[in-house]
């Protein structure tokens, strides 16, 4: 995931990957085999934070691609469900399609906002 990140060590790279995949800091520390004190110190390091942000952005892009891939299926399921009269299965399928589409739209909005913020940051630095 984090192949070309400069300024961090292999241990820090493992910590970034753990932070991106674990549900809390304690689990991330265990997965990366580091202490919480070490992680706290690294979180104050600008290079580490840059790597963490880059990893999060890459994860969001991957998630976005995955949601786009199933988005078509969700729309198809919704269309098929609207044409059918079965109650239980139809309700479940509509809810699943709604969840996928809602997440897809929310994710696309986040990516758009991130792009706009990046452009604003570039303009402010000039």
C-alpha atoms as a PDB file:
ATOM      1  CA  UNK A   1       0.000   0.000   0.000  1.00  0.00           C
ATOM      2  CA  UNK A   2       2.679   2.516   1.013  1.00  0.00           C
ATOM      3  CA  UNK A   3       5.441   1.780  -1.424  1.00  0.00           C
ATOM      4  CA  UNK A   4       6.953   5.155  -2.255  1.00  0.00           C
ATOM      5  CA  UNK A   5       6.630   7.051   1.006  1.00  0.00           C
ATOM      6  CA  UNK A   6       9.776   8.933   1.966  1.00  0.00           C
ATOM      7  CA  UNK A   7      10.837   9.952   5.432  1.00  0.00           C
ATOM      8  CA  UNK A   8       9.433   7.000   7.395  1.00  0.00           C
ATOM      9  CA  UNK A   9      10.993   3.752   8.508  1.00  0.00           C
ATOM     10  CA  UNK A  10       9.704   0.250   7.746  1.00  0.00           C
ATOM     11  CA  UNK A  11       8.352   0.072  11.333  1.00  0.00           C
ATOM     12  CA  UNK A  12       6.506   3.341  10.807  1.00  0.00           C
ATOM     13  CA  UNK A  13       5.150   2.029   7.518  1.00  0.00           C
ATOM     14  CA  UNK A  14       3.762  -1.004   9.385  1.00  0.00           C
ATOM     15  CA  UNK A  15       2.225   1.356  11.941  1.00  0.00           C
ATOM     16  CA  UNK A  16       0.541   3.414   9.217  1.00  0.00           C
ATOM     17  CA  UNK A  17      -0.874   0.267   7.638  1.00  0.00           C
ATOM     18  CA  UNK A  18      -2.082  -0.907  11.050  1.00  0.00           C
ATOM     19  CA  UNK A  19      -3.745   2.439  11.731  1.00  0.00           C
ATOM     20  CA  UNK A  20      -5.556   2.182   8.423  1.00  0.00           C
ATOM     21  CA  UNK A  21      -6.782  -1.345   9.039  1.00  0.00           C
ATOM     22  CA  UNK A  22      -7.452  -1.533  12.785  1.00  0.00           C
ATOM     23  CA  UNK A  23     -10.465  -0.168  14.600  1.00  0.00           C
ATOM     24  CA  UNK A  24      -8.570   1.567  17.411  1.00  0.00           C
ATOM     25  CA  UNK A  25      -5.095   2.699  18.465  1.00  0.00           C
ATOM     26  CA  UNK A  26      -4.559  -0.219  20.836  1.00  0.00           C
ATOM     27  CA  UNK A  27      -5.179  -2.762  18.090  1.00  0.00           C
ATOM     28  CA  UNK A  28      -2.958  -0.793  15.727  1.00  0.00           C
ATOM     29  CA  UNK A  29      -0.115  -0.811  18.271  1.00  0.00           C
ATOM     30  CA  UNK A  30      -0.439  -4.575  18.712  1.00  0.00           C
ATOM     31  CA  UNK A  31      -0.551  -5.184  14.975  1.00  0.00           C
ATOM     32  CA  UNK A  32       2.497  -2.981  14.366  1.00  0.00           C
ATOM     33  CA  UNK A  33       4.275  -4.379  17.448  1.00  0.00           C
ATOM     34  CA  UNK A  34       4.941  -0.940  18.923  1.00  0.00           C
ATOM     35  CA  UNK A  35       4.054   0.770  22.190  1.00  0.00           C
ATOM     36  CA  UNK A  36       1.363   3.385  22.470  1.00  0.00           C
ATOM     37  CA  UNK A  37       4.048   5.890  23.535  1.00  0.00           C
ATOM     38  CA  UNK A  38       5.933   5.242  20.304  1.00  0.00           C
ATOM     39  CA  UNK A  39       2.796   5.661  18.244  1.00  0.00           C
ATOM     40  CA  UNK A  40       1.945   8.917  20.028  1.00  0.00           C
ATOM     41  CA  UNK A  41       5.439  10.236  19.291  1.00  0.00           C
ATOM     42  CA  UNK A  42       5.176   9.203  15.644  1.00  0.00           C
ATOM     43  CA  UNK A  43       1.774  10.858  15.300  1.00  0.00           C
ATOM     44  CA  UNK A  44       3.508  14.161  16.088  1.00  0.00           C
ATOM     45  CA  UNK A  45       5.987  13.590  13.222  1.00  0.00           C
ATOM     46  CA  UNK A  46       5.054  15.478  10.017  1.00  0.00           C
ATOM     47  CA  UNK A  47       6.511  12.757   7.747  1.00  0.00           C
ATOM     48  CA  UNK A  48       4.529  10.078   9.565  1.00  0.00           C
ATOM     49  CA  UNK A  49       1.361  12.148   9.303  1.00  0.00           C
ATOM     50  CA  UNK A  50       1.984  12.723   5.612  1.00  0.00           C
ATOM     51  CA  UNK A  51       2.335   8.965   5.107  1.00  0.00           C
ATOM     52  CA  UNK A  52      -0.830   8.349   7.112  1.00  0.00           C
ATOM     53  CA  UNK A  53      -2.754  10.861   5.004  1.00  0.00           C
ATOM     54  CA  UNK A  54      -1.392   9.352   1.791  1.00  0.00           C
ATOM     55  CA  UNK A  55      -2.398   5.880   2.944  1.00  0.00           C
ATOM     56  CA  UNK A  56      -5.877   7.053   3.898  1.00  0.00           C
ATOM     57  CA  UNK A  57      -6.280   8.748   0.513  1.00  0.00           C
ATOM     58  CA  UNK A  58      -5.182   5.578  -1.283  1.00  0.00           C
ATOM     59  CA  UNK A  59      -7.628   3.519   0.799  1.00  0.00           C
ATOM     60  CA  UNK A  60     -10.470   5.901  -0.046  1.00  0.00           C
ATOM     61  CA  UNK A  61      -9.628   5.706  -3.738  1.00  0.00           C
ATOM     62  CA  UNK A  62      -9.655   1.904  -3.582  1.00  0.00           C
ATOM     63  CA  UNK A  63     -12.948   1.916  -1.696  1.00  0.00           C
ATOM     64  CA  UNK A  64     -14.398   4.335  -4.223  1.00  0.00           C
ATOM     65  CA  UNK A  65     -13.429   2.040  -7.088  1.00  0.00           C
ATOM     66  CA  UNK A  66     -14.990  -0.938  -5.288  1.00  0.00           C
ATOM     67  CA  UNK A  67     -18.210   0.972  -4.652  1.00  0.00           C
ATOM     68  CA  UNK A  68     -18.331   2.078  -8.270  1.00  0.00           C
ATOM     69  CA  UNK A  69     -17.961  -1.555  -9.334  1.00  0.00           C
ATOM     70  CA  UNK A  70     -20.990  -2.628  -7.274  1.00  0.00           C
ATOM     71  CA  UNK A  71     -22.936   0.573  -7.936  1.00  0.00           C
ATOM     72  CA  UNK A  72     -24.183  -0.758 -11.237  1.00  0.00           C
ATOM     73  CA  UNK A  73     -25.356  -3.957  -9.567  1.00  0.00           C
ATOM     74  CA  UNK A  74     -27.163  -1.914  -6.912  1.00  0.00           C
ATOM     75  CA  UNK A  75     -28.989   0.091  -9.563  1.00  0.00           C
ATOM     76  CA  UNK A  76     -29.860  -3.099 -11.434  1.00  0.00           C
ATOM     77  CA  UNK A  77     -31.150  -4.720  -8.218  1.00  0.00           C
ATOM     78  CA  UNK A  78     -33.246  -1.655  -7.492  1.00  0.00           C
ATOM     79  CA  UNK A  79     -34.696  -1.708 -11.016  1.00  0.00           C
ATOM     80  CA  UNK A  80     -35.462  -5.437 -10.828  1.00  0.00           C
ATOM     81  CA  UNK A  81     -37.006  -5.021  -7.413  1.00  0.00           C
ATOM     82  CA  UNK A  82     -39.294  -2.266  -8.613  1.00  0.00           C
ATOM     83  CA  UNK A  83     -40.550  -4.643 -11.315  1.00  0.00           C
ATOM     84  CA  UNK A  84     -41.282  -7.502  -8.860  1.00  0.00           C
ATOM     85  CA  UNK A  85     -44.055  -7.865  -6.330  1.00  0.00           C
ATOM     86  CA  UNK A  86     -42.437 -10.172  -3.708  1.00  0.00           C
ATOM     87  CA  UNK A  87     -42.362  -8.444  -0.342  1.00  0.00           C
ATOM     88  CA  UNK A  88     -39.575  -9.742   1.913  1.00  0.00           C
ATOM     89  CA  UNK A  89     -36.844 -10.246  -0.642  1.00  0.00           C
ATOM     90  CA  UNK A  90     -37.732  -7.014  -2.390  1.00  0.00           C
ATOM     91  CA  UNK A  91     -37.435  -5.031   0.829  1.00  0.00           C
ATOM     92  CA  UNK A  92     -34.044  -6.496   1.588  1.00  0.00           C
ATOM     93  CA  UNK A  93     -32.770  -5.853  -1.917  1.00  0.00           C
ATOM     94  CA  UNK A  94     -34.035  -2.274  -1.966  1.00  0.00           C
ATOM     95  CA  UNK A  95     -32.358  -1.577   1.376  1.00  0.00           C
ATOM     96  CA  UNK A  96     -29.072  -3.103   0.164  1.00  0.00           C
ATOM     97  CA  UNK A  97     -29.187  -1.076  -3.038  1.00  0.00           C
ATOM     98  CA  UNK A  98     -29.977   2.061  -1.034  1.00  0.00           C
ATOM     99  CA  UNK A  99     -27.019   1.466   1.284  1.00  0.00           C
ATOM    100  CA  UNK A 100     -24.583   0.986  -1.598  1.00  0.00           C
ATOM    101  CA  UNK A 101     -25.810   4.029  -3.464  1.00  0.00           C
ATOM    102  CA  UNK A 102     -25.817   6.202  -0.335  1.00  0.00           C
ATOM    103  CA  UNK A 103     -22.260   5.209   0.504  1.00  0.00           C
ATOM    104  CA  UNK A 104     -21.148   5.748  -3.061  1.00  0.00           C
ATOM    105  CA  UNK A 105     -22.593   9.243  -3.163  1.00  0.00           C
ATOM    106  CA  UNK A 106     -21.146  10.122   0.246  1.00  0.00           C
ATOM    107  CA  UNK A 107     -17.721   8.849  -0.752  1.00  0.00           C
ATOM    108  CA  UNK A 108     -17.756  10.745  -4.023  1.00  0.00           C
ATOM    109  CA  UNK A 109     -18.683  13.899  -2.101  1.00  0.00           C
ATOM    110  CA  UNK A 110     -15.758  13.357   0.270  1.00  0.00           C
ATOM    111  CA  UNK A 111     -13.338  12.867  -2.602  1.00  0.00           C
ATOM    112  CA  UNK A 112     -14.669  16.001  -4.287  1.00  0.00           C
ATOM    113  CA  UNK A 113     -14.297  17.999  -1.081  1.00  0.00           C
ATOM    114  CA  UNK A 114     -10.770  16.700  -0.602  1.00  0.00           C
ATOM    115  CA  UNK A 115      -9.855  17.791  -4.131  1.00  0.00           C
ATOM    116  CA  UNK A 116     -11.370  21.225  -3.589  1.00  0.00           C
ATOM    117  CA  UNK A 117      -9.547  21.658  -0.275  1.00  0.00           C
ATOM    118  CA  UNK A 118      -6.265  20.645  -1.889  1.00  0.00           C
ATOM    119  CA  UNK A 119      -6.777  23.240  -4.613  1.00  0.00           C
ATOM    120  CA  UNK A 120      -7.548  25.894  -2.001  1.00  0.00           C
ATOM    121  CA  UNK A 121      -4.426  24.953  -0.020  1.00  0.00           C
ATOM    122  CA  UNK A 122      -2.314  25.245  -3.168  1.00  0.00           C
ATOM    123  CA  UNK A 123      -3.817  28.675  -3.897  1.00  0.00           C
ATOM    124  CA  UNK A 124      -3.126  29.876  -0.355  1.00  0.00           C
ATOM    125  CA  UNK A 125       0.535  28.757  -0.549  1.00  0.00           C
ATOM    126  CA  UNK A 126       1.171  30.808  -3.708  1.00  0.00           C
END
